[in-house]
Protein backbone atom coordinates (compact mmCIF):
# COMPACT_ATOMS: atom_id res chain seq x y z
CA MET A 1 131.10 150.67 146.55
CA GLN A 2 128.93 148.05 144.74
CA TYR A 3 126.83 145.34 146.25
CA LYS A 4 125.80 142.18 144.76
CA GLY A 5 122.64 141.25 146.51
CA VAL A 6 121.39 141.56 149.87
CA ALA A 7 123.85 139.06 151.38
CA SER A 8 126.69 141.25 150.31
CA PHE A 9 125.11 144.43 151.68
CA LYS A 10 124.50 142.67 155.00
CA SER A 11 128.02 141.66 155.28
CA PHE A 12 129.44 144.94 154.34
CA PHE A 13 126.95 146.74 156.91
CA TRP A 14 128.03 144.47 159.68
CA LYS A 15 131.74 144.85 158.76
CA LYS A 16 131.23 148.68 158.90
CA LEU A 17 129.76 148.52 162.42
CA ARG A 18 132.35 146.20 163.55
CA ASN A 19 135.15 148.35 162.48
CA GLN A 20 133.96 151.45 164.21
CA LYS A 21 135.45 151.84 167.55
CA ARG A 22 132.45 151.39 169.61
CA VAL A 23 128.88 150.62 168.24
CA GLU A 24 126.05 151.27 170.62
CA PHE A 25 123.72 148.25 171.18
CA CYS A 26 120.80 149.97 169.66
CA ARG A 27 122.38 150.17 166.14
CA LYS A 28 123.03 146.43 166.22
CA ILE A 29 119.28 145.80 167.11
CA LYS A 30 118.53 147.90 163.95
CA TRP A 31 120.83 145.85 162.01
CA ARG A 32 118.97 142.66 163.16
CA MET A 33 115.53 144.30 162.29
CA LEU A 34 116.84 145.09 158.69
CA PHE A 35 118.74 142.00 158.00
CA ASP A 36 118.71 139.03 160.32
CA HIS A 37 115.80 136.82 158.97
CA ASN A 38 116.79 133.69 161.06
CA PRO A 39 113.45 131.85 161.32
CA HIS A 40 114.37 130.93 165.02
CA LEU A 41 113.81 134.42 165.85
CA ILE A 42 110.06 134.04 165.04
CA ILE A 43 109.85 131.21 167.62
CA LEU A 44 111.60 133.46 170.22
CA GLN A 45 109.28 136.47 169.67
CA ASP A 46 105.93 134.27 169.51
CA LYS A 47 104.66 134.30 173.13
CA TYR A 48 102.97 130.92 172.33
CA LYS A 49 105.57 128.91 170.55
CA VAL A 50 108.25 130.13 172.84
CA ARG A 51 106.55 128.17 175.76
CA SER A 52 107.53 124.94 174.11
CA TYR A 53 111.00 126.06 173.35
CA ALA A 54 111.34 127.03 176.97
CA GLU A 55 110.00 123.53 178.09
CA SER A 56 112.78 122.04 175.80
CA ARG A 57 115.36 123.87 177.85
CA GLN A 58 113.84 122.98 181.32
CA VAL A 59 112.53 126.50 181.86
CA SER A 60 109.00 126.80 183.24
CA THR A 61 106.16 129.10 181.88
CA PRO A 62 102.82 130.20 183.37
CA LYS A 63 100.10 127.68 183.30
CA LEU A 64 98.27 127.74 179.91
CA LEU A 65 94.71 128.00 180.33
CA HIS A 66 93.42 128.36 176.70
CA VAL A 67 94.98 129.29 173.12
CA THR A 68 92.66 130.19 170.22
CA ASP A 69 92.52 131.97 167.18
CA ASP A 70 88.77 132.44 167.61
CA PRO A 71 88.01 134.62 170.71
CA GLN A 72 84.37 133.58 170.55
CA THR A 73 85.54 130.08 171.94
CA ILE A 74 87.00 131.54 174.92
CA PRO A 75 85.52 129.43 177.82
CA PHE A 76 84.92 132.33 180.21
CA ASP A 77 82.58 130.42 182.66
CA ASP A 78 85.22 127.72 183.03
CA LEU A 79 88.25 130.01 184.01
CA PRO A 80 89.74 130.97 187.39
CA ASP A 81 88.94 134.51 188.86
CA ASN A 82 92.59 135.94 187.95
CA TYR A 83 94.36 135.29 184.83
CA PHE A 84 95.83 137.19 181.67
CA ILE A 85 94.45 137.43 178.11
CA LYS A 86 97.36 138.13 175.77
CA ALA A 87 98.06 138.25 171.93
CA ASN A 88 101.11 136.27 171.04
CA HIS A 89 102.43 138.44 168.21
CA GLY A 90 102.33 141.79 169.73
CA TRP A 91 103.41 144.21 172.66
CA ARG A 92 101.25 145.61 175.20
CA TRP A 93 98.18 143.64 173.92
CA ASN A 94 97.22 142.41 177.29
CA ILE A 95 94.09 142.03 179.35
CA LEU A 96 93.88 141.38 182.95
CA CYS A 97 90.93 139.40 184.58
CA PHE A 98 91.23 140.17 188.28
CA LYS A 99 88.33 138.99 190.52
CA SER A 100 86.35 138.09 187.49
CA ARG A 101 86.54 141.76 186.01
CA TYR A 102 88.29 142.65 182.96
CA TYR A 103 90.83 145.49 182.43
CA LEU A 104 93.02 146.70 179.65
CA PHE A 105 96.41 146.09 181.26
CA GLY A 106 98.92 147.33 178.66
CA ASN A 107 102.26 147.29 180.53
CA GLY A 108 100.60 147.49 183.74
CA GLN A 109 101.70 150.72 185.20
CA ASP A 110 98.23 152.27 185.60
CA LEU A 111 96.93 149.46 187.23
CA VAL A 112 99.19 148.82 190.18
CA LYS A 113 99.20 150.37 193.61
CA ASN A 114 102.02 152.21 194.88
CA ASP A 115 103.73 149.18 196.47
CA GLY A 116 103.22 147.36 193.25
CA THR A 117 100.50 144.94 194.29
CA LEU A 118 97.18 144.72 192.27
CA ILE A 119 94.84 146.49 191.74
CA ASN A 120 94.66 150.28 191.92
CA TYR A 121 90.88 150.81 192.21
CA GLU A 122 91.05 154.53 192.27
CA VAL A 123 91.85 154.56 188.50
CA ALA A 124 90.75 150.71 187.57
CA SER A 125 87.31 152.00 186.32
CA LYS A 126 88.97 153.96 183.47
CA PHE A 127 90.39 150.56 182.19
CA GLU A 128 87.57 148.09 182.98
CA ILE A 129 85.87 146.60 179.85
CA SER A 130 82.92 144.08 179.53
CA GLN A 131 83.47 140.34 178.34
CA ALA A 132 82.01 141.54 175.03
CA LYS A 133 84.71 144.21 174.78
CA VAL A 134 87.40 141.59 175.51
CA VAL A 135 86.09 139.53 172.50
CA GLN A 136 86.18 142.55 170.39
CA HIS A 137 89.82 143.65 171.47
CA CYS A 138 90.99 140.20 170.86
CA HIS A 139 89.53 140.09 167.30
CA ARG A 140 91.32 143.42 166.49
CA TRP A 141 94.61 142.06 167.90
CA LEU A 142 94.16 138.95 165.52
CA GLN A 143 93.56 141.14 162.65
CA SER A 144 96.51 143.48 163.37
CA LYS A 145 100.35 143.30 162.67
CA HIS A 146 102.91 144.67 165.21
CA ARG A 147 105.53 146.89 164.19
CA SER A 148 106.27 146.22 160.47
CA LYS A 149 109.92 147.04 160.97
CA GLN A 150 110.42 144.23 163.35
CA TRP A 151 110.70 141.29 160.97
CA ALA A 152 109.94 138.45 163.26
CA TYR A 153 106.51 139.88 164.41
CA GLN A 154 105.30 139.77 160.75
CA HIS A 155 105.55 136.01 160.48
CA ILE A 156 104.09 134.87 163.89
CA PRO A 157 100.61 133.09 163.36
CA PRO A 158 98.32 135.31 165.48
CA ALA A 159 96.82 133.66 168.39
CA ILE A 160 94.98 134.58 171.81
CA ILE A 161 96.63 132.95 174.95
CA LEU A 162 95.23 132.98 178.34
CA GLU A 163 97.69 132.28 181.09
CA SER A 164 97.44 131.93 184.84
CA LEU A 165 98.35 135.14 186.91
CA LEU A 166 101.80 135.01 188.69
CA LYS A 167 102.25 135.76 192.23
CA PRO A 168 105.62 137.21 193.46
CA ILE A 169 107.79 135.16 195.89
CA ASP A 170 107.98 137.96 198.37
CA GLY A 171 104.15 138.35 198.35
CA ASN A 172 104.41 142.13 197.10
CA HIS A 173 106.08 143.38 193.98
CA LEU A 174 106.30 141.31 191.06
CA LYS A 175 109.66 142.15 189.64
CA ASP A 176 110.50 141.45 185.77
CA TYR A 177 114.17 140.35 185.72
CA ARG A 178 115.60 141.29 182.17
CA LEU A 179 118.62 139.27 181.47
CA TYR A 180 120.83 140.40 178.50
CA THR A 181 122.25 137.16 177.21
CA PHE A 182 124.87 137.04 174.54
CA TYR A 183 125.94 133.72 173.11
CA GLY A 184 124.57 131.93 175.96
CA LYS A 185 126.10 134.43 178.63
CA VAL A 186 124.24 136.73 180.82
CA LYS A 187 126.14 140.18 180.87
CA ALA A 188 123.55 142.49 182.37
CA VAL A 189 120.39 142.40 184.38
CA SER A 190 117.78 145.16 184.53
CA ILE A 191 114.53 145.10 186.50
CA GLY A 192 111.27 145.83 184.64
CA SER A 193 107.98 145.92 186.34
CA ALA A 194 104.66 147.71 186.39
CA LEU A 195 105.82 149.65 189.59
CA TYR A 196 108.99 150.70 188.07
CA ARG A 197 107.36 151.84 185.03
CA LYS A 198 104.82 153.81 187.19
CA THR A 199 107.54 155.65 189.04
CA ASN A 200 110.02 155.89 186.25
CA LYS A 201 112.84 153.91 188.02
CA ASN A 202 115.25 151.15 186.90
CA VAL A 203 118.75 149.82 187.70
CA PHE A 204 121.19 147.66 185.69
CA PHE A 205 123.24 144.99 187.54
CA ASP A 206 126.10 142.73 186.38
CA ALA A 207 125.70 139.10 186.60
CA ASP A 208 127.19 139.23 190.25
CA TRP A 209 124.52 141.75 191.16
CA GLU A 210 126.93 144.66 191.42
CA PRO A 211 125.25 147.89 190.22
CA ILE A 212 126.37 148.94 186.96
CA PRO A 213 127.07 152.83 187.19
CA LEU A 214 125.83 155.07 184.35
CA THR A 215 126.90 158.34 183.22
CA GLN A 216 123.60 159.45 182.48
CA TYR A 217 119.94 158.05 183.75
CA LYS A 218 116.96 158.08 181.61
CA ASP A 219 115.01 156.59 184.69
CA GLN A 220 115.54 157.22 188.57
CA LEU A 221 117.50 154.73 190.54
CA PRO A 222 115.32 153.19 193.13
CA THR A 223 115.82 154.81 196.39
CA ILE A 224 116.71 151.36 197.90
CA LEU A 225 118.39 149.12 195.34
CA PRO A 226 116.72 145.66 194.90
CA GLN A 227 118.39 142.84 197.18
CA LYS A 228 120.08 140.09 195.31
CA PRO A 229 117.41 137.59 194.69
CA GLU A 230 118.23 134.11 196.17
CA SER A 231 117.34 132.60 192.92
CA LEU A 232 119.69 134.76 190.80
CA SER A 233 121.85 131.83 190.02
CA GLU A 234 118.94 129.81 189.02
CA MET A 235 117.75 132.57 186.81
CA ILE A 236 121.13 133.09 185.10
CA ARG A 237 121.35 129.24 184.34
CA ALA A 238 117.82 129.52 182.97
CA ALA A 239 118.63 132.45 180.78
CA GLU A 240 121.84 130.98 179.66
CA ARG A 241 120.12 127.65 178.62
CA LEU A 242 117.56 129.63 176.66
CA GLY A 243 120.20 131.84 174.97
CA GLU A 244 122.40 129.08 174.15
CA ASN A 245 123.85 129.47 170.37
CA ILE A 246 121.90 132.74 170.03
CA ASP A 247 124.03 135.96 169.33
CA PHE A 248 121.67 138.05 171.53
CA VAL A 249 118.30 137.76 173.30
CA ARG A 250 116.79 139.32 176.33
CA VAL A 251 115.30 136.80 178.52
CA ASP A 252 112.53 138.15 181.07
CA LEU A 253 112.03 135.94 184.01
CA TYR A 254 109.77 136.16 187.21
CA ASP A 255 110.63 134.89 190.50
CA THR A 256 107.36 133.50 191.77
CA THR A 257 105.60 131.37 194.48
CA GLU A 258 105.81 128.61 191.73
CA GLY A 259 109.31 128.88 190.96
CA ILE A 260 111.19 130.78 187.97
CA MET A 261 108.89 131.49 185.21
CA LEU A 262 109.52 132.75 181.63
CA GLY A 263 107.80 135.97 180.99
CA GLU A 264 109.03 136.36 177.35
CA MET A 265 111.92 136.34 175.20
CA THR A 266 112.72 139.70 173.27
CA VAL A 267 114.86 139.83 170.23
CA TYR A 268 114.21 143.54 169.47
CA PRO A 269 114.17 145.32 172.91
CA ASP A 270 113.05 148.90 172.75
CA GLY A 271 112.78 148.51 168.96
CA GLY A 272 116.53 149.68 168.53
CA CYS A 273 115.62 153.11 169.58
CA SER A 274 118.29 155.65 169.98
CA GLY A 275 119.24 155.95 173.48
CA THR A 276 118.26 152.56 174.66
CA PRO A 277 118.30 150.58 176.74
CA THR A 278 119.75 153.53 178.78
CA THR A 279 120.86 157.25 177.81
CA CYS A 280 124.38 156.49 178.98
CA PRO A 281 126.52 156.06 175.63
CA VAL A 282 129.28 154.43 177.59
CA PHE A 283 127.15 151.65 178.84
CA ASN A 284 125.32 151.25 175.62
CA ALA A 285 128.40 150.91 173.76
CA TRP A 286 129.91 148.47 176.17
CA LEU A 287 126.51 146.48 175.67
CA GLY A 288 127.16 146.64 171.99
CA ASP A 289 130.62 145.28 172.49
CA GLN A 290 129.14 142.13 173.99
CA TRP A 291 127.44 141.46 170.66
CA CYS A 292 130.21 140.85 168.26
CA ASP A 293 130.50 139.00 165.10
CA GLN A 294 131.72 135.61 166.06
């Protein structure tokens, strides 16, 4: 088989995937990483620019306290006691300011208590850093590129953003609702949170909040399944506005005391690694079926 340029190979590669009986979701993520250079993906993956995109779709984002490409200008003395410092062009590049002390947060699993609340002081000292170290980490993030195989990340203008700390509506466990959205329709919802990562738990629901049974489980099911949130319909509408005219995007939302808030939009969940987002090949193939060549 001869290919005339990248476009022909892209077409052939997608057709080959489509013609197979079942193509797991992760393989389509790999295809996107290799071939889909739609500039809109850069905006969606950019934790700063996606804020304006969300606003244009009537979806709220956490209060922006500061944005800069020079960490020396962060106005520490004028900021509240609790907030997040994040790099807009990477993953797990997060620092939590909690009660005016700074902690390397990562994905949060090491800093939450067993009930999901902040902060686990028994281990927190391992992650505490000085204000000077905060600036150093931010400088290093700004000079770094995240995951070279994930195209969109390489084209995000680096910045440091400071956002307000969100509070869960139930006063306890801040859940990250991850809505798998295809062509503007939510097909599956999983729950990610620092507590679930800490305890290796997860569960998938359909858009009606019916649990999706898996043949294999990478993570444990929660002992008590999360109740259907009262705001589920609102979250689905928000995700579908954000995902309109996009073949696939995962929309991560929080249900907070200030209403539904966008956490981030993810176009390369799990980096397309094999056996993701679950270890159930049946579900992963079904999820791949939702992402068809329209």
